[in-house]
């Protein structure tokens, strides 16, 4: 941010060309807060979905590998050695 000569440290809110009346400003700030919360919620939902998919895919791969190993064992030793 460039120095504008204004010594105040108060953050400025871009009102996007809207009126700077206090009521409009409060409404805009509330809307911005709601949007931020919505984006946070979406990020959390996506992260949760990724974790669920990761667990499911891991289980699916492990199950497929287990089946492959079982078939290989049956092919080598037959089903009579199953309880050894």
Protein backbone atom coordinates (compact mmCIF):
# COMPACT_ATOMS: atom_id res chain seq x y z
CA UNK A 1 0.00 0.00 0.00
CA UNK A 2 1.32 3.42 -0.88
CA UNK A 3 1.57 6.32 1.51
CA UNK A 4 -1.26 8.77 0.80
CA UNK A 5 -0.29 11.37 3.36
CA UNK A 6 -3.10 10.35 5.69
CA UNK A 7 -1.57 9.56 9.10
CA UNK A 8 -4.61 7.64 10.35
CA UNK A 9 -4.28 3.88 10.68
CA UNK A 10 -7.98 3.24 10.20
CA UNK A 11 -8.60 0.67 7.51
CA UNK A 12 -10.59 1.85 4.58
CA UNK A 13 -13.40 -0.24 3.14
CA UNK A 14 -13.92 -0.06 -0.59
CA UNK A 15 -17.59 0.70 -1.01
CA UNK A 16 -17.49 0.03 -4.72
CA UNK A 17 -18.90 3.41 -5.71
CA UNK A 18 -21.76 3.17 -3.23
CA UNK A 19 -22.83 5.94 -0.92
CA UNK A 20 -20.73 6.25 2.19
CA UNK A 21 -23.71 6.64 4.50
CA UNK A 22 -23.31 4.70 7.72
CA UNK A 23 -26.34 2.49 7.10
CA UNK A 24 -25.12 1.50 3.63
CA UNK A 25 -21.66 0.88 5.00
CA UNK A 26 -22.97 -1.37 7.77
CA UNK A 27 -25.12 -3.27 5.30
CA UNK A 28 -22.13 -3.75 2.99
CA UNK A 29 -19.91 -4.89 5.86
CA UNK A 30 -22.56 -7.37 6.99
CA UNK A 31 -22.94 -8.69 3.45
CA UNK A 32 -19.16 -9.03 3.16
CA UNK A 33 -19.02 -10.90 6.47
CA UNK A 34 -21.76 -13.28 5.33
CA UNK A 35 -19.95 -13.93 2.05
CA UNK A 36 -16.71 -14.62 3.91
CA UNK A 37 -18.51 -17.07 6.20
CA UNK A 38 -20.12 -18.77 3.20
CA UNK A 39 -16.74 -19.20 1.51
CA UNK A 40 -15.29 -20.60 4.74
CA UNK A 41 -18.18 -23.06 4.99
CA UNK A 42 -17.63 -24.15 1.36
CA UNK A 43 -13.91 -24.68 2.01
CA UNK A 44 -14.72 -26.80 5.06
CA UNK A 45 -17.27 -28.83 3.11
CA UNK A 46 -14.78 -29.44 0.30
CA UNK A 47 -12.07 -30.47 2.77
CA UNK A 48 -14.47 -32.89 4.46
CA UNK A 49 -15.49 -34.37 1.10
CA UNK A 50 -11.84 -34.85 0.13
CA UNK A 51 -11.15 -36.69 3.40
CA UNK A 52 -14.16 -38.96 2.92
CA UNK A 53 -13.14 -39.71 -0.67
CA UNK A 54 -9.57 -40.38 0.44
CA UNK A 55 -10.73 -42.90 3.05
CA UNK A 56 -13.13 -44.59 0.64
CA UNK A 57 -10.53 -44.84 -2.13
CA UNK A 58 -7.99 -46.27 0.31
CA UNK A 59 -10.49 -48.85 1.51
CA UNK A 60 -11.43 -49.71 -2.07
CA UNK A 61 -7.79 -50.22 -3.12
CA UNK A 62 -7.05 -52.29 -0.01
CA UNK A 63 -10.11 -54.45 -0.67
CA UNK A 64 -9.10 -54.98 -4.30
CA UNK A 65 -5.56 -55.90 -3.26
CA UNK A 66 -6.90 -58.27 -0.61
CA UNK A 67 -9.04 -60.00 -3.24
CA UNK A 68 -6.08 -60.23 -5.61
CA UNK A 69 -3.89 -61.77 -2.92
CA UNK A 70 -6.65 -64.23 -1.98
CA UNK A 71 -7.06 -65.30 -5.61
CA UNK A 72 -3.30 -65.69 -5.98
CA UNK A 73 -3.19 -67.80 -2.80
CA UNK A 74 -6.07 -69.99 -4.00
CA UNK A 75 -4.36 -70.37 -7.36
CA UNK A 76 -1.14 -71.52 -5.71
CA UNK A 77 -2.35 -73.62 -2.77
CA UNK A 78 -6.03 -74.21 -3.46
CA UNK A 79 -8.88 -73.61 -1.07
CA UNK A 80 -8.03 -76.62 1.07
CA UNK A 81 -5.23 -74.62 2.80
CA UNK A 82 -7.52 -71.76 3.65
CA UNK A 83 -7.56 -72.32 7.43
CA UNK A 84 -3.82 -72.83 7.87
